[in-house]
């Protein structure tokens, strides 16, 4: 865990240095897909699914093939990605179903969205 945090910190420092050298913000494309496993992509060896556009993007881009998901279901993972907090801290530990009555209340302002 400490190693992952160190790598993440080093990555942010290097990105900050690159930004200051070039004067422009780097471009990032973050793709989050529900119910898609790594081996479901043809660039990862799938022969069942055909993903030519993702394959082309993968060939032209830098790929990060090791990662960590905060939860095995989508809603807590999305909340974690958007706020940078663990899902339990946000009170979102299961998927949010429209008809199940587990809609979260207003997000606490001490956990702003990363994009803001």
N, C-alpha and C. Protein backbone atom coordinates (compact mmCIF):
# COMPACT_ATOMS: atom_id res chain seq x y z
N UNK A 1 0.83 -1.20 0.00
CA UNK A 1 0.00 0.00 0.00
C UNK A 1 0.87 1.26 0.00
N UNK A 2 1.93 1.24 0.83
CA UNK A 2 2.83 2.38 0.88
C UNK A 2 3.51 2.58 -0.47
N UNK A 3 3.87 1.46 -1.12
CA UNK A 3 4.51 1.54 -2.43
C UNK A 3 3.57 2.19 -3.45
N UNK A 4 2.29 1.81 -3.42
CA UNK A 4 1.32 2.40 -4.36
C UNK A 4 1.16 3.89 -4.11
N UNK A 5 1.11 4.29 -2.83
CA UNK A 5 0.97 5.71 -2.52
C UNK A 5 2.21 6.47 -2.95
N UNK A 6 3.38 5.87 -2.79
CA UNK A 6 4.62 6.51 -3.23
C UNK A 6 4.63 6.69 -4.73
N UNK A 7 4.22 5.67 -5.46
CA UNK A 7 4.16 5.76 -6.92
C UNK A 7 3.17 6.81 -7.37
N UNK A 8 2.02 6.85 -6.71
CA UNK A 8 1.01 7.85 -7.04
C UNK A 8 1.53 9.25 -6.78
N UNK A 9 2.18 9.45 -5.64
CA UNK A 9 2.74 10.76 -5.31
C UNK A 9 3.79 11.18 -6.32
N UNK A 10 4.67 10.24 -6.68
CA UNK A 10 5.71 10.53 -7.66
C UNK A 10 5.09 10.88 -9.01
N UNK A 11 4.04 10.19 -9.39
CA UNK A 11 3.36 10.49 -10.65
C UNK A 11 2.82 11.91 -10.66
N UNK A 12 2.16 12.32 -9.58
CA UNK A 12 1.60 13.68 -9.51
C UNK A 12 2.70 14.73 -9.52
N UNK A 13 3.82 14.45 -8.88
CA UNK A 13 4.94 15.40 -8.88
C UNK A 13 5.50 15.54 -10.30
N UNK A 14 5.70 14.41 -10.98
CA UNK A 14 6.21 14.46 -12.34
C UNK A 14 5.25 15.17 -13.29
N UNK A 15 3.95 14.92 -13.12
CA UNK A 15 2.97 15.62 -13.96
C UNK A 15 3.00 17.12 -13.71
N UNK A 16 3.17 17.50 -12.44
CA UNK A 16 3.28 18.93 -12.11
C UNK A 16 4.50 19.56 -12.74
N UNK A 17 5.63 18.84 -12.73
CA UNK A 17 6.84 19.34 -13.38
C UNK A 17 6.66 19.47 -14.88
N UNK A 18 6.05 18.47 -15.49
CA UNK A 18 5.80 18.53 -16.93
C UNK A 18 4.90 19.71 -17.28
N UNK A 19 3.89 19.94 -16.46
CA UNK A 19 2.98 21.04 -16.72
C UNK A 19 3.71 22.37 -16.62
N UNK A 20 4.57 22.52 -15.63
CA UNK A 20 5.28 23.78 -15.47
C UNK A 20 6.28 23.99 -16.61
N UNK A 21 6.86 22.92 -17.15
CA UNK A 21 7.80 23.04 -18.25
C UNK A 21 7.10 23.43 -19.55
N UNK A 22 5.95 22.87 -19.79
CA UNK A 22 5.25 23.12 -21.05
C UNK A 22 4.21 24.22 -20.95
N UNK A 23 3.81 24.59 -19.76
CA UNK A 23 2.85 25.65 -19.60
C UNK A 23 1.41 25.27 -19.91
N UNK A 24 1.17 24.03 -20.25
CA UNK A 24 -0.18 23.58 -20.56
C UNK A 24 -0.50 22.34 -19.73
N UNK A 25 -1.76 22.15 -19.49
CA UNK A 25 -2.18 20.98 -18.73
C UNK A 25 -2.11 19.74 -19.60
N UNK A 26 -1.67 18.62 -19.03
CA UNK A 26 -1.64 17.38 -19.81
C UNK A 26 -3.06 16.89 -20.10
N UNK A 27 -3.21 16.15 -21.17
CA UNK A 27 -4.50 15.59 -21.53
C UNK A 27 -4.64 14.19 -20.95
N UNK A 28 -5.74 13.93 -20.27
CA UNK A 28 -6.03 12.62 -19.73
C UNK A 28 -7.40 12.19 -20.21
N UNK A 29 -7.49 10.94 -20.57
CA UNK A 29 -8.78 10.34 -20.89
C UNK A 29 -8.95 9.18 -19.93
N UNK A 30 -9.91 9.29 -19.06
CA UNK A 30 -10.18 8.25 -18.06
C UNK A 30 -11.46 7.57 -18.49
N UNK A 31 -11.37 6.28 -18.78
CA UNK A 31 -12.54 5.53 -19.23
C UNK A 31 -12.99 4.62 -18.10
N UNK A 32 -14.21 4.80 -17.65
CA UNK A 32 -14.78 3.95 -16.62
C UNK A 32 -15.98 3.24 -17.24
N UNK A 33 -15.91 1.92 -17.28
CA UNK A 33 -16.97 1.13 -17.89
C UNK A 33 -17.49 0.13 -16.87
N UNK A 34 -18.79 0.10 -16.67
CA UNK A 34 -19.39 -0.87 -15.76
C UNK A 34 -19.40 -2.25 -16.41
N UNK A 35 -19.19 -3.26 -15.59
CA UNK A 35 -19.29 -4.66 -16.01
C UNK A 35 -18.37 -5.01 -17.17
N UNK A 36 -17.19 -4.41 -17.22
CA UNK A 36 -16.22 -4.74 -18.25
C UNK A 36 -14.94 -5.18 -17.55
N UNK A 37 -14.58 -6.40 -17.74
CA UNK A 37 -13.33 -6.90 -17.18
C UNK A 37 -12.17 -6.64 -18.12
N UNK A 38 -10.98 -6.64 -17.58
CA UNK A 38 -9.79 -6.38 -18.39
C UNK A 38 -9.70 -7.35 -19.56
N UNK A 39 -10.01 -8.61 -19.33
CA UNK A 39 -9.88 -9.62 -20.37
C UNK A 39 -11.06 -9.60 -21.36
N UNK A 40 -11.97 -8.65 -21.22
CA UNK A 40 -13.07 -8.49 -22.19
C UNK A 40 -12.65 -7.66 -23.40
N UNK A 41 -11.48 -7.07 -23.37
CA UNK A 41 -10.99 -6.25 -24.47
C UNK A 41 -10.15 -7.10 -25.41
N UNK A 42 -10.31 -6.88 -26.71
CA UNK A 42 -9.52 -7.69 -27.65
C UNK A 42 -8.03 -7.34 -27.57
N UNK A 43 -7.66 -6.12 -27.17
CA UNK A 43 -6.24 -5.79 -27.02
C UNK A 43 -5.61 -6.53 -25.84
N UNK A 44 -6.44 -7.13 -24.99
CA UNK A 44 -5.95 -7.94 -23.87
C UNK A 44 -6.07 -9.43 -24.15
N UNK A 45 -6.54 -9.78 -25.35
CA UNK A 45 -6.57 -11.18 -25.73
C UNK A 45 -7.95 -11.79 -25.90
N UNK A 46 -9.01 -11.01 -25.72
CA UNK A 46 -10.35 -11.57 -25.89
C UNK A 46 -10.60 -11.91 -27.35
N UNK A 47 -11.13 -13.08 -27.59
CA UNK A 47 -11.54 -13.45 -28.94
C UNK A 47 -13.07 -13.40 -29.07
N UNK A 48 -13.75 -13.18 -27.96
CA UNK A 48 -15.21 -13.12 -27.96
C UNK A 48 -15.69 -11.71 -28.31
N UNK A 49 -15.11 -10.71 -27.65
CA UNK A 49 -15.50 -9.32 -27.88
C UNK A 49 -14.56 -8.68 -28.88
N UNK A 50 -15.09 -7.87 -29.77
CA UNK A 50 -14.28 -7.11 -30.70
C UNK A 50 -14.33 -5.64 -30.29
N UNK A 51 -13.18 -5.07 -30.00
CA UNK A 51 -13.11 -3.68 -29.53
C UNK A 51 -12.06 -2.91 -30.35
N UNK A 52 -12.30 -2.74 -31.65
CA UNK A 52 -11.27 -2.13 -32.52
C UNK A 52 -10.92 -0.69 -32.15
N UNK A 53 -11.88 0.10 -31.71
CA UNK A 53 -11.59 1.50 -31.39
C UNK A 53 -10.78 1.62 -30.11
N UNK A 54 -11.12 0.81 -29.11
CA UNK A 54 -10.33 0.80 -27.88
C UNK A 54 -8.94 0.25 -28.15
N UNK A 55 -8.83 -0.75 -29.02
CA UNK A 55 -7.53 -1.31 -29.39
C UNK A 55 -6.66 -0.25 -30.05
N UNK A 56 -7.24 0.53 -30.96
CA UNK A 56 -6.48 1.59 -31.63
C UNK A 56 -6.02 2.66 -30.63
N UNK A 57 -6.90 3.02 -29.72
CA UNK A 57 -6.54 3.99 -28.68
C UNK A 57 -5.42 3.44 -27.80
N UNK A 58 -5.50 2.17 -27.48
CA UNK A 58 -4.47 1.54 -26.64
C UNK A 58 -3.12 1.50 -27.35
N UNK A 59 -3.11 1.31 -28.65
CA UNK A 59 -1.85 1.28 -29.40
C UNK A 59 -1.18 2.64 -29.42
N UNK A 60 -1.97 3.72 -29.44
CA UNK A 60 -1.42 5.08 -29.57
C UNK A 60 -1.18 5.76 -28.23
N UNK A 61 -1.52 5.12 -27.14
CA UNK A 61 -1.53 5.80 -25.85
C UNK A 61 -0.63 5.12 -24.83
N UNK A 62 -0.45 5.82 -23.72
CA UNK A 62 0.21 5.22 -22.57
C UNK A 62 -0.85 4.44 -21.81
N UNK A 63 -0.54 3.21 -21.47
CA UNK A 63 -1.51 2.36 -20.78
C UNK A 63 -1.06 2.11 -19.36
N UNK A 64 -1.99 2.20 -18.45
CA UNK A 64 -1.75 1.86 -17.06
C UNK A 64 -2.49 0.56 -16.81
N UNK A 65 -1.76 -0.53 -16.70
CA UNK A 65 -2.42 -1.83 -16.62
C UNK A 65 -2.45 -2.43 -15.22
N UNK A 66 -2.09 -1.64 -14.23
CA UNK A 66 -2.22 -2.08 -12.85
C UNK A 66 -3.00 -1.01 -12.10
N UNK A 67 -4.03 -1.41 -11.43
CA UNK A 67 -4.85 -0.44 -10.74
C UNK A 67 -5.56 -1.05 -9.55
N UNK A 68 -6.33 -0.23 -8.91
CA UNK A 68 -7.05 -0.64 -7.72
C UNK A 68 -8.44 -0.05 -7.79
N UNK A 69 -9.43 -0.85 -7.52
CA UNK A 69 -10.79 -0.37 -7.46
C UNK A 69 -11.22 -0.32 -5.99
N UNK A 70 -11.84 0.76 -5.60
CA UNK A 70 -12.23 0.92 -4.21
C UNK A 70 -13.34 -0.04 -3.80
N UNK A 71 -14.07 -0.56 -4.76
CA UNK A 71 -15.16 -1.49 -4.46
C UNK A 71 -15.46 -2.33 -5.69
N UNK A 72 -16.08 -3.46 -5.50
CA UNK A 72 -16.36 -4.34 -6.63
C UNK A 72 -17.62 -3.95 -7.39
N UNK A 73 -18.38 -3.00 -6.91
CA UNK A 73 -19.58 -2.55 -7.63
C UNK A 73 -19.41 -1.08 -8.02
N UNK A 74 -20.22 -0.62 -8.96
CA UNK A 74 -19.98 0.66 -9.61
C UNK A 74 -20.18 1.90 -8.74
N UNK A 75 -21.25 2.00 -7.99
CA UNK A 75 -21.55 3.26 -7.30
C UNK A 75 -20.46 3.68 -6.30
N UNK A 76 -20.00 2.78 -5.42
CA UNK A 76 -18.92 3.19 -4.51
C UNK A 76 -17.63 3.52 -5.26
N UNK A 77 -17.34 2.78 -6.32
CA UNK A 77 -16.13 3.06 -7.10
C UNK A 77 -16.20 4.43 -7.75
N UNK A 78 -17.35 4.76 -8.31
CA UNK A 78 -17.52 6.07 -8.93
C UNK A 78 -17.41 7.20 -7.90
N UNK A 79 -18.02 7.01 -6.73
CA UNK A 79 -17.94 8.03 -5.69
C UNK A 79 -16.49 8.23 -5.25
N UNK A 80 -15.75 7.14 -5.15
CA UNK A 80 -14.34 7.21 -4.77
C UNK A 80 -13.51 7.94 -5.82
N UNK A 81 -13.74 7.63 -7.08
CA UNK A 81 -13.01 8.28 -8.16
C UNK A 81 -13.31 9.78 -8.20
N UNK A 82 -14.57 10.14 -8.00
CA UNK A 82 -14.98 11.54 -8.12
C UNK A 82 -14.55 12.39 -6.92
N UNK A 83 -14.35 11.78 -5.77
CA UNK A 83 -14.01 12.57 -4.58
C UNK A 83 -12.62 12.31 -4.04
N UNK A 84 -12.01 11.18 -4.41
CA UNK A 84 -10.71 10.84 -3.86
C UNK A 84 -10.79 10.26 -2.46
N UNK A 85 -11.98 9.89 -2.01
CA UNK A 85 -12.18 9.35 -0.67
C UNK A 85 -12.59 7.89 -0.76
N UNK A 86 -12.39 7.18 0.35
CA UNK A 86 -12.87 5.80 0.41
C UNK A 86 -14.40 5.80 0.44
N UNK A 87 -15.06 4.83 -0.19
CA UNK A 87 -16.53 4.79 -0.22
C UNK A 87 -17.16 4.78 1.18
N UNK A 88 -16.57 4.07 2.14
CA UNK A 88 -17.16 4.02 3.48
C UNK A 88 -17.19 5.40 4.12
N UNK A 89 -16.20 6.22 3.86
CA UNK A 89 -16.18 7.57 4.41
C UNK A 89 -17.33 8.40 3.85
N UNK A 90 -17.74 8.08 2.63
CA UNK A 90 -18.84 8.80 1.99
C UNK A 90 -20.20 8.20 2.31
N UNK A 91 -20.19 7.00 2.91
CA UNK A 91 -21.45 6.34 3.23
C UNK A 91 -22.07 5.63 2.04
N UNK A 92 -21.27 5.39 1.01
CA UNK A 92 -21.76 4.69 -0.19
C UNK A 92 -20.98 3.39 -0.29
N UNK A 93 -21.57 2.31 0.16
CA UNK A 93 -20.86 1.03 0.18
C UNK A 93 -21.53 -0.06 -0.66
N UNK A 94 -22.58 0.28 -1.34
CA UNK A 94 -23.27 -0.67 -2.21
C UNK A 94 -23.75 0.10 -3.44
N UNK A 95 -24.16 -0.61 -4.46
CA UNK A 95 -24.64 0.09 -5.65
C UNK A 95 -25.91 0.88 -5.30
N UNK A 96 -26.11 1.97 -6.01
CA UNK A 96 -27.27 2.82 -5.76
C UNK A 96 -28.35 2.44 -6.76
N UNK A 97 -29.44 1.90 -6.26
CA UNK A 97 -30.55 1.49 -7.11
C UNK A 97 -31.67 2.52 -7.02
N UNK A 98 -32.19 2.90 -8.15
CA UNK A 98 -33.23 3.92 -8.19
C UNK A 98 -34.45 3.51 -7.39
N UNK A 99 -34.87 2.26 -7.52
CA UNK A 99 -36.10 1.84 -6.86
C UNK A 99 -35.86 1.17 -5.50
N UNK A 100 -34.64 1.18 -5.01
CA UNK A 100 -34.36 0.51 -3.75
C UNK A 100 -34.38 1.47 -2.55
N UNK A 101 -34.45 2.74 -2.81
CA UNK A 101 -34.51 3.69 -1.72
C UNK A 101 -33.19 3.93 -1.03
N UNK A 102 -32.08 3.60 -1.68
CA UNK A 102 -30.79 3.84 -1.04
C UNK A 102 -30.04 4.99 -1.70
N UNK A 103 -30.79 5.97 -2.16
CA UNK A 103 -30.17 7.14 -2.76
C UNK A 103 -29.45 7.94 -1.68
N UNK A 104 -28.20 8.33 -1.93
CA UNK A 104 -27.49 9.13 -0.93
C UNK A 104 -28.07 10.53 -0.86
N UNK A 105 -27.93 11.15 0.29
CA UNK A 105 -28.36 12.54 0.43
C UNK A 105 -27.36 13.45 -0.24
N UNK A 106 -27.44 14.71 0.04
CA UNK A 106 -26.51 15.68 -0.53
C UNK A 106 -25.10 15.35 -0.05
N UNK A 107 -24.15 15.38 -0.95
CA UNK A 107 -22.77 15.08 -0.59
C UNK A 107 -22.25 16.13 0.38
N UNK A 108 -21.50 15.69 1.36
CA UNK A 108 -20.90 16.58 2.35
C UNK A 108 -19.90 17.50 1.65
N UNK A 109 -19.97 18.80 1.89
CA UNK A 109 -19.10 19.74 1.20
C UNK A 109 -17.64 19.61 1.60
N UNK A 110 -17.35 18.86 2.67
CA UNK A 110 -15.93 18.67 3.02
C UNK A 110 -15.27 17.64 2.11
N UNK A 111 -16.06 16.97 1.26
CA UNK A 111 -15.53 16.04 0.27
C UNK A 111 -15.92 16.54 -1.13
N UNK A 112 -15.26 17.58 -1.62
CA UNK A 112 -15.63 18.11 -2.95
C UNK A 112 -15.22 17.14 -4.05
N UNK A 113 -15.88 17.26 -5.18
CA UNK A 113 -15.51 16.46 -6.33
C UNK A 113 -14.14 16.89 -6.81
N UNK A 114 -13.33 15.96 -7.26
CA UNK A 114 -11.98 16.27 -7.70
C UNK A 114 -12.01 17.25 -8.87
N UNK A 115 -12.98 17.15 -9.74
CA UNK A 115 -13.05 18.01 -10.92
C UNK A 115 -13.37 19.46 -10.57
N UNK A 116 -13.83 19.73 -9.35
CA UNK A 116 -14.20 21.12 -9.04
C UNK A 116 -13.05 21.94 -8.57
